């Protein structure tokens, strides 16, 4: 009897956790070819930190989003209006550590307080990058758009973020303000555009049809961790991930000379399927970004000790014929490999919303010696 009594609460809890993982209904990322990034400062307005943040953002000509507390807005109404006057978006912050009903009341109070101070509603309710389940539920009960990106803590370490990310950092930590000029300069060097939420193209609430893509990205994360695969290049345009793997086919003579042998440890690189899908809307920019990513890979093969010790580099994908234009030897796969990878290609393309997933795309293997690849593409 006790077991039966526990089934319903367990199912409800599992459903709630699954909802939180999927982010359904929340703003979590922007999906477009734009190399945009949403920077969200959590907390405040703080009488010392917020003016410093505003000054740094002004100097960098950057606009961001400030997720403000109701108490802070009541204590600092002029500073709240200054945030808006300088062109930044204002969201309401949902406090952590509260029960869902208390969090919902706080969320509604924050919306009313910001509306009274600014004459308009906040752009949404921010639960931060790692919300508790009760905070997540409370934000939805409070009404309004829920904002739940990725949290990087007070260190504001922005390496590894992807285009379209919503990044939550502390808005009340003076160290964040002091480090912000360097962080913004680094993001600009990596070709990111830091934008307020209103200017992020493709930002919308997560939908059920996004679940396959979310699941595939999670699979990629674990695949990379287990295979010690890491992103090559840290620019917004970087498309490749690379790691060591055995060459899977029969011995192959290369067009530039030399031979790779079956089972020999080489560098295998993987393409970012999600980013390639987003770049489909900008084919000219897409070609430029592929070329830049090839150069990033060549520099890594030249300079990175973890990659420079291998004699060749290969990839298996439906884009291998394109890689042939960059000097790769393109090899047909055995029938069993081809059928399996063709099926997986269709799965990926359906997950990412390609309009013609039934169209035949044949995966092939592309391989090139490390020396020839570096000589041809490692340009400064």
Protein backbone atom coordinates (compact mmCIF):
# COMPACT_ATOMS: atom_id res chain seq x y z
CA UNK A 1 0.00 0.00 0.00
CA UNK A 2 2.81 2.41 0.88
CA UNK A 3 4.50 1.69 -2.41
CA UNK A 4 1.34 2.55 -4.33
CA UNK A 5 0.98 5.74 -2.32
CA UNK A 6 4.51 6.81 -3.32
CA UNK A 7 4.07 6.20 -7.05
CA UNK A 8 2.16 9.42 -7.84
CA UNK A 9 4.51 11.79 -5.94
CA UNK A 10 7.50 10.08 -7.55
CA UNK A 11 6.01 10.46 -11.02
CA UNK A 12 5.16 14.10 -10.39
CA UNK A 13 8.67 14.84 -9.11
CA UNK A 14 10.26 13.05 -12.07
CA UNK A 15 8.03 14.97 -14.47
CA UNK A 16 8.96 18.28 -12.84
CA UNK A 17 12.68 17.48 -13.03
CA UNK A 18 12.31 16.45 -16.67
CA UNK A 19 10.50 19.71 -17.41
CA UNK A 20 13.29 21.68 -15.76
CA UNK A 21 15.96 19.75 -17.71
CA UNK A 22 14.17 20.33 -21.02
CA UNK A 23 13.46 23.98 -20.19
CA UNK A 24 10.06 23.84 -21.86
CA UNK A 25 8.46 27.26 -21.90
CA UNK A 26 11.63 29.09 -20.79
CA UNK A 27 14.08 31.30 -22.67
CA UNK A 28 17.32 29.30 -22.65
CA UNK A 29 19.17 30.07 -25.87
CA UNK A 30 18.86 31.90 -29.17
CA UNK A 31 18.90 29.87 -32.37
CA UNK A 32 20.25 31.78 -35.38
CA UNK A 33 23.42 32.37 -37.38
CA UNK A 34 24.02 35.53 -35.33
CA UNK A 35 27.10 35.16 -33.06
CA UNK A 36 25.11 36.78 -30.25
CA UNK A 37 25.41 36.22 -26.53
CA UNK A 38 23.05 37.48 -23.82
CA UNK A 39 24.83 38.66 -20.67
CA UNK A 40 22.52 38.78 -17.63
CA UNK A 41 23.61 40.45 -14.38
CA UNK A 42 21.81 38.84 -11.44
CA UNK A 43 20.83 40.93 -8.42
CA UNK A 44 20.80 44.57 -7.46
CA UNK A 45 20.72 47.33 -8.29
CA UNK A 46 23.77 47.64 -6.02
CA UNK A 47 24.85 51.19 -5.13
CA UNK A 48 28.55 50.48 -5.76
CA UNK A 49 28.60 47.63 -8.27
CA UNK A 50 25.80 48.59 -10.66
CA UNK A 51 27.22 52.06 -11.56
CA UNK A 52 30.59 50.42 -12.25
CA UNK A 53 28.97 47.81 -14.50
CA UNK A 54 27.08 50.52 -16.38
CA UNK A 55 30.26 52.53 -16.94
CA UNK A 56 32.18 49.52 -18.24
CA UNK A 57 29.36 48.58 -20.59
CA UNK A 58 29.17 52.19 -21.86
CA UNK A 59 32.90 52.25 -22.63
CA UNK A 60 32.61 48.94 -24.50
CA UNK A 61 29.43 50.11 -26.33
CA UNK A 62 27.67 46.97 -25.11
CA UNK A 63 24.12 46.51 -23.88
CA UNK A 64 23.11 43.69 -21.56
CA UNK A 65 20.27 42.58 -19.30
CA UNK A 66 19.94 43.30 -15.58
CA UNK A 67 17.80 40.93 -13.49
CA UNK A 68 16.90 43.06 -10.48
CA UNK A 69 15.52 42.28 -7.01
CA UNK A 70 12.32 43.93 -5.80
CA UNK A 71 14.07 45.16 -2.63
CA UNK A 72 16.92 46.63 -4.64
CA UNK A 73 14.57 48.43 -6.99
CA UNK A 74 12.64 49.89 -4.07
CA UNK A 75 15.87 51.07 -2.40
CA UNK A 76 17.48 52.37 -5.63
CA UNK A 77 14.72 53.61 -7.97
CA UNK A 78 16.97 56.21 -9.64
CA UNK A 79 19.66 53.62 -10.31
CA UNK A 80 17.02 51.28 -11.73
CA UNK A 81 15.91 54.00 -14.12
CA UNK A 82 19.56 54.63 -15.06
CA UNK A 83 19.88 51.00 -16.14
CA UNK A 84 16.91 51.42 -18.45
CA UNK A 85 18.02 54.85 -19.68
CA UNK A 86 21.36 53.46 -20.84
CA UNK A 87 19.61 51.00 -23.12
CA UNK A 88 19.80 47.81 -21.10
CA UNK A 89 16.97 45.33 -20.67
CA UNK A 90 15.52 44.95 -17.17
CA UNK A 91 14.25 41.60 -15.92
CA UNK A 92 12.86 40.60 -12.52
CA UNK A 93 15.01 38.23 -10.48
CA UNK A 94 13.35 35.26 -8.79
CA UNK A 95 15.20 34.62 -5.48
CA UNK A 96 16.61 31.15 -4.91
CA UNK A 97 16.06 28.98 -1.86
CA UNK A 98 12.31 29.60 -1.61
CA UNK A 99 9.36 27.26 -1.92
CA UNK A 100 7.43 27.46 -5.19
CA UNK A 101 4.49 29.44 -3.79
CA UNK A 102 6.76 31.91 -1.99
CA UNK A 103 8.91 32.25 -5.11
CA UNK A 104 5.76 32.93 -7.16
CA UNK A 105 4.69 35.69 -4.76
CA UNK A 106 8.17 37.21 -4.87
CA UNK A 107 8.16 37.07 -8.68
CA UNK A 108 4.83 38.89 -8.89
CA UNK A 109 6.05 41.47 -6.35
CA UNK A 110 9.22 42.07 -8.39
CA UNK A 111 7.17 42.60 -11.55
CA UNK A 112 4.91 45.15 -9.79
CA UNK A 113 7.89 46.97 -8.28
CA UNK A 114 9.75 47.24 -11.59
CA UNK A 115 6.57 48.33 -13.38
CA UNK A 116 6.08 51.10 -10.82
CA UNK A 117 9.69 52.28 -11.18
CA UNK A 118 10.00 52.11 -14.98
CA UNK A 119 6.44 52.41 -16.25
CA UNK A 120 6.71 49.08 -18.08
CA UNK A 121 6.93 45.39 -17.33
CA UNK A 122 10.29 43.61 -17.07
CA UNK A 123 11.39 41.53 -20.06
CA UNK A 124 11.00 38.34 -18.04
CA UNK A 125 11.59 36.47 -14.78
CA UNK A 126 15.18 35.29 -14.34
CA UNK A 127 15.77 32.11 -12.33
CA UNK A 128 19.52 32.11 -12.99
CA UNK A 129 21.65 29.48 -14.64
CA UNK A 130 21.16 26.68 -12.10
CA UNK A 131 17.70 27.14 -10.59
CA UNK A 132 16.31 24.92 -7.88
CA UNK A 133 13.21 22.97 -8.81
CA UNK A 134 11.10 25.07 -6.42
CA UNK A 135 12.45 28.29 -7.92
CA UNK A 136 11.76 27.00 -11.41
CA UNK A 137 8.17 26.11 -10.55
CA UNK A 138 7.69 29.39 -8.69
CA UNK A 139 8.76 31.45 -11.71
CA UNK A 140 6.18 29.78 -13.93
CA UNK A 141 3.50 30.18 -11.27
CA UNK A 142 4.44 33.87 -11.06
CA UNK A 143 3.62 34.46 -14.72
CA UNK A 144 5.75 36.20 -17.33
CA UNK A 145 8.55 34.87 -19.49
CA UNK A 146 10.99 32.68 -17.59
CA UNK A 147 14.69 33.22 -18.35
CA UNK A 148 17.02 30.31 -17.56
CA UNK A 149 20.37 30.34 -19.34
CA UNK A 150 23.67 28.99 -18.07
CA UNK A 151 25.29 30.14 -14.85
CA UNK A 152 29.01 30.81 -14.55
CA UNK A 153 29.14 32.12 -10.99
CA UNK A 154 31.00 35.17 -9.76
CA UNK A 155 34.17 34.33 -11.71
CA UNK A 156 32.39 35.29 -14.94
CA UNK A 157 34.58 32.86 -16.84
CA UNK A 158 33.18 33.00 -20.37
CA UNK A 159 35.37 30.50 -22.20
CA UNK A 160 33.47 27.67 -23.81
CA UNK A 161 30.18 29.50 -24.31
CA UNK A 162 28.37 29.03 -27.61
CA UNK A 163 26.60 31.55 -29.85
CA UNK A 164 23.08 32.16 -28.63
CA UNK A 165 23.90 31.42 -24.97
CA UNK A 166 22.28 33.33 -22.13
CA UNK A 167 24.96 33.75 -19.47
CA UNK A 168 24.04 34.65 -15.88
CA UNK A 169 26.73 36.36 -13.75
CA UNK A 170 26.56 38.17 -10.45
CA UNK A 171 25.42 41.79 -10.60
CA UNK A 172 26.43 42.50 -6.99
CA UNK A 173 30.05 41.26 -6.95
CA UNK A 174 32.64 44.02 -7.41
CA UNK A 175 35.14 41.47 -8.76
CA UNK A 176 32.82 40.78 -11.69
CA UNK A 177 32.75 44.51 -12.46
CA UNK A 178 36.54 44.76 -12.22
CA UNK A 179 37.07 41.82 -14.57
CA UNK A 180 34.34 42.81 -16.99
CA UNK A 181 36.49 44.99 -19.33
CA UNK A 182 38.86 42.09 -20.01
CA UNK A 183 35.97 39.63 -20.43
CA UNK A 184 34.21 41.87 -22.94
CA UNK A 185 37.44 42.43 -24.87
CA UNK A 186 38.01 38.67 -25.00
CA UNK A 187 34.48 38.04 -26.26
CA UNK A 188 34.91 40.68 -28.97
CA UNK A 189 38.22 39.11 -30.03
CA UNK A 190 36.35 35.80 -30.33
CA UNK A 191 33.79 37.51 -32.62
CA UNK A 192 30.89 37.40 -30.16
CA UNK A 193 28.28 40.16 -30.02
CA UNK A 194 27.04 40.80 -26.47
CA UNK A 195 23.40 41.87 -26.77
CA UNK A 196 20.31 42.54 -24.65
CA UNK A 197 17.62 39.89 -24.88
CA UNK A 198 15.47 41.98 -27.21
CA UNK A 199 18.19 41.93 -29.91
CA UNK A 200 19.00 38.22 -29.82
CA UNK A 201 17.58 36.73 -33.01
CA UNK A 202 15.95 33.35 -32.61
CA UNK A 203 15.34 33.75 -28.86
CA UNK A 204 12.05 32.10 -27.99
CA UNK A 205 10.65 29.76 -25.35
CA UNK A 206 11.70 26.13 -25.64
CA UNK A 207 9.11 23.92 -27.33
CA UNK A 208 8.48 20.16 -27.28
CA UNK A 209 9.89 19.93 -30.80
CA UNK A 210 13.23 21.22 -29.42
CA UNK A 211 13.59 18.15 -27.20
CA UNK A 212 15.41 15.96 -29.76
CA UNK A 213 18.02 18.68 -30.40
CA UNK A 214 18.45 19.25 -26.64
CA UNK A 215 18.91 15.51 -26.10
CA UNK A 216 21.44 15.26 -28.94
CA UNK A 217 23.47 18.13 -27.53
CA UNK A 218 23.50 16.35 -24.18
CA UNK A 219 24.71 13.19 -25.93
CA UNK A 220 27.48 15.23 -27.57
CA UNK A 221 28.59 16.57 -24.18
CA UNK A 222 28.92 13.07 -22.71
CA UNK A 223 30.47 11.66 -25.88
CA UNK A 224 33.12 14.39 -25.76
CA UNK A 225 33.82 13.81 -22.09
CA UNK A 226 34.20 10.06 -22.47
CA UNK A 227 36.24 10.34 -25.67
CA UNK A 228 38.37 13.27 -24.44
CA UNK A 229 37.19 15.32 -27.38
CA UNK A 230 37.40 19.09 -27.11
CA UNK A 231 36.45 22.13 -29.11
CA UNK A 232 39.06 23.44 -31.53
CA UNK A 233 39.29 27.22 -31.50
CA UNK A 234 37.43 29.47 -29.09
CA UNK A 235 35.79 31.83 -31.57
CA UNK A 236 32.06 32.10 -31.99
CA UNK A 237 32.54 30.68 -35.49
CA UNK A 238 34.47 27.56 -34.43
CA UNK A 239 32.76 24.45 -35.83
CA UNK A 240 35.09 21.57 -34.99
CA UNK A 241 35.78 19.29 -32.04
CA UNK A 242 38.77 16.97 -32.12
CA UNK A 243 40.28 14.01 -30.31
CA UNK A 244 42.37 10.90 -30.99
CA UNK A 245 40.78 7.81 -32.54
CA UNK A 246 41.89 4.73 -34.52
CA UNK A 247 41.56 4.92 -38.30
CA UNK A 248 38.52 2.68 -38.98
CA UNK A 249 39.00 1.63 -42.63
CA UNK A 250 41.52 -0.35 -44.68
CA UNK A 251 44.96 1.13 -45.38
CA UNK A 252 44.61 4.24 -47.55
CA UNK A 253 47.06 5.97 -49.88
CA UNK A 254 46.75 9.76 -49.56
CA UNK A 255 46.59 12.15 -52.51
CA UNK A 256 49.53 14.14 -51.11
CA UNK A 257 51.57 10.97 -50.65
CA UNK A 258 51.96 8.58 -47.75
CA UNK A 259 49.67 5.94 -46.28
CA UNK A 260 47.42 5.71 -43.24
CA UNK A 261 46.92 2.26 -41.76
CA UNK A 262 43.87 0.60 -40.30
CA UNK A 263 43.83 0.96 -36.50
CA UNK A 264 46.49 3.70 -36.51
CA UNK A 265 45.83 6.44 -33.96
CA UNK A 266 44.98 9.68 -35.78
CA UNK A 267 43.16 12.92 -35.02
CA UNK A 268 39.42 12.63 -35.68
CA UNK A 269 37.42 15.84 -35.88
CA UNK A 270 33.66 16.25 -35.58
CA UNK A 271 31.42 18.98 -36.95
CA UNK A 272 29.02 21.03 -34.84
CA UNK A 273 25.67 19.93 -36.29
CA UNK A 274 23.62 22.52 -34.40
CA UNK A 275 25.80 25.41 -35.58
CA UNK A 276 25.85 24.18 -39.17
CA UNK A 277 22.05 24.08 -39.12
CA UNK A 278 21.92 27.67 -37.87
CA UNK A 279 24.39 28.82 -40.54
CA UNK A 280 22.17 27.41 -43.28
CA UNK A 281 20.28 30.72 -43.26
CA UNK A 282 23.51 32.56 -44.20
CA UNK A 283 25.32 30.43 -46.82
CA UNK A 284 27.96 33.05 -47.66
CA UNK A 285 28.84 33.56 -44.01
CA UNK A 286 28.69 29.79 -43.58
CA UNK A 287 31.40 29.22 -46.18
CA UNK A 288 33.60 31.85 -44.55
CA UNK A 289 33.12 30.27 -41.13
CA UNK A 290 33.95 26.77 -42.44
CA UNK A 291 37.19 28.14 -43.91
CA UNK A 292 38.05 29.90 -40.65
CA UNK A 293 37.35 26.69 -38.70
CA UNK A 294 39.61 24.70 -41.02
CA UNK A 295 42.39 27.18 -40.27
CA UNK A 296 41.72 26.90 -36.52
CA UNK A 297 42.07 23.13 -36.80
CA UNK A 298 45.31 23.45 -38.78
CA UNK A 299 46.81 25.75 -36.15
CA UNK A 300 45.80 23.34 -33.40
CA UNK A 301 47.46 20.46 -35.27
CA UNK A 302 50.59 22.58 -35.52
CA UNK A 303 50.71 24.08 -32.01
CA UNK A 304 48.77 21.84 -29.61
CA UNK A 305 51.01 19.09 -28.15
CA UNK A 306 47.96 16.86 -27.62
CA UNK A 307 47.22 16.90 -31.37
CA UNK A 308 50.53 17.61 -33.12
CA UNK A 309 51.99 14.16 -32.43
CA UNK A 310 49.58 12.31 -34.74
CA UNK A 311 50.47 11.75 -38.42
CA UNK A 312 47.09 12.47 -40.01
CA UNK A 313 43.58 13.81 -39.47
CA UNK A 314 40.22 12.40 -40.59
CA UNK A 315 36.49 12.96 -40.33
CA UNK A 316 33.39 10.95 -41.19
CA UNK A 317 30.39 13.04 -42.20
CA UNK A 318 28.00 13.98 -44.98
CA UNK A 319 30.28 16.99 -45.65
CA UNK A 320 33.34 14.95 -46.68
CA UNK A 321 32.98 15.95 -50.34
CA UNK A 322 33.22 19.58 -49.23
CA UNK A 323 36.38 18.73 -47.31
CA UNK A 324 37.76 17.35 -50.54
CA UNK A 325 37.94 20.96 -51.75
CA UNK A 326 40.34 21.61 -48.87
CA UNK A 327 42.76 18.89 -49.97
CA UNK A 328 41.36 15.82 -48.20
CA UNK A 329 41.32 12.36 -49.72
CA UNK A 330 37.66 11.29 -49.75
CA UNK A 331 36.92 7.59 -49.25
CA UNK A 332 33.63 5.72 -49.61
CA UNK A 333 32.51 3.81 -46.54
CA UNK A 334 31.75 0.07 -46.46
CA UNK A 335 28.07 -0.67 -46.98
CA UNK A 336 27.34 -1.49 -43.32
CA UNK A 337 29.04 1.71 -42.12
CA UNK A 338 27.29 3.77 -44.78
CA UNK A 339 23.79 2.47 -43.91
CA UNK A 340 24.27 3.02 -40.19
CA UNK A 341 25.68 6.54 -40.57
CA UNK A 342 23.11 7.52 -43.19
CA UNK A 343 20.39 6.60 -40.70
CA UNK A 344 22.13 8.60 -37.96
CA UNK A 345 22.47 11.58 -40.31
CA UNK A 346 18.71 11.55 -40.88
CA UNK A 347 18.14 11.42 -37.11
CA UNK A 348 20.37 14.45 -36.58
CA UNK A 349 18.81 16.44 -39.41
CA UNK A 350 15.28 15.74 -38.16
CA UNK A 351 16.29 16.74 -34.63
CA UNK A 352 17.68 20.06 -35.81
CA UNK A 353 14.73 20.85 -38.03
CA UNK A 354 16.25 20.43 -41.49
CA UNK A 355 13.44 20.98 -44.01
CA UNK A 356 14.21 17.96 -46.22
CA UNK A 357 15.40 15.17 -43.89
CA UNK A 358 14.34 12.52 -46.40
CA UNK A 359 16.83 13.81 -48.99
CA UNK A 360 19.70 11.40 -49.43
CA UNK A 361 23.05 12.53 -48.00
CA UNK A 362 25.82 9.96 -48.18
CA UNK A 363 28.41 10.00 -45.38
CA UNK A 364 32.00 9.46 -46.42
CA UNK A 365 35.43 9.57 -44.79
CA UNK A 366 37.88 12.40 -45.47
CA UNK A 367 41.54 12.01 -44.50
CA UNK A 368 44.71 14.08 -44.92
CA UNK A 369 48.22 13.97 -43.51
CA UNK A 370 48.84 16.36 -40.65
CA UNK A 371 51.90 17.86 -42.35
CA UNK A 372 50.05 18.61 -45.60
CA UNK A 373 47.03 20.00 -43.75
CA UNK A 374 49.16 22.32 -41.61
CA UNK A 375 51.22 23.50 -44.59
CA UNK A 376 48.12 24.30 -46.61
CA UNK A 377 45.83 25.83 -43.99
CA UNK A 378 47.74 27.04 -40.90
CA UNK A 379 47.83 30.67 -41.99
CA UNK A 380 48.08 33.50 -39.50
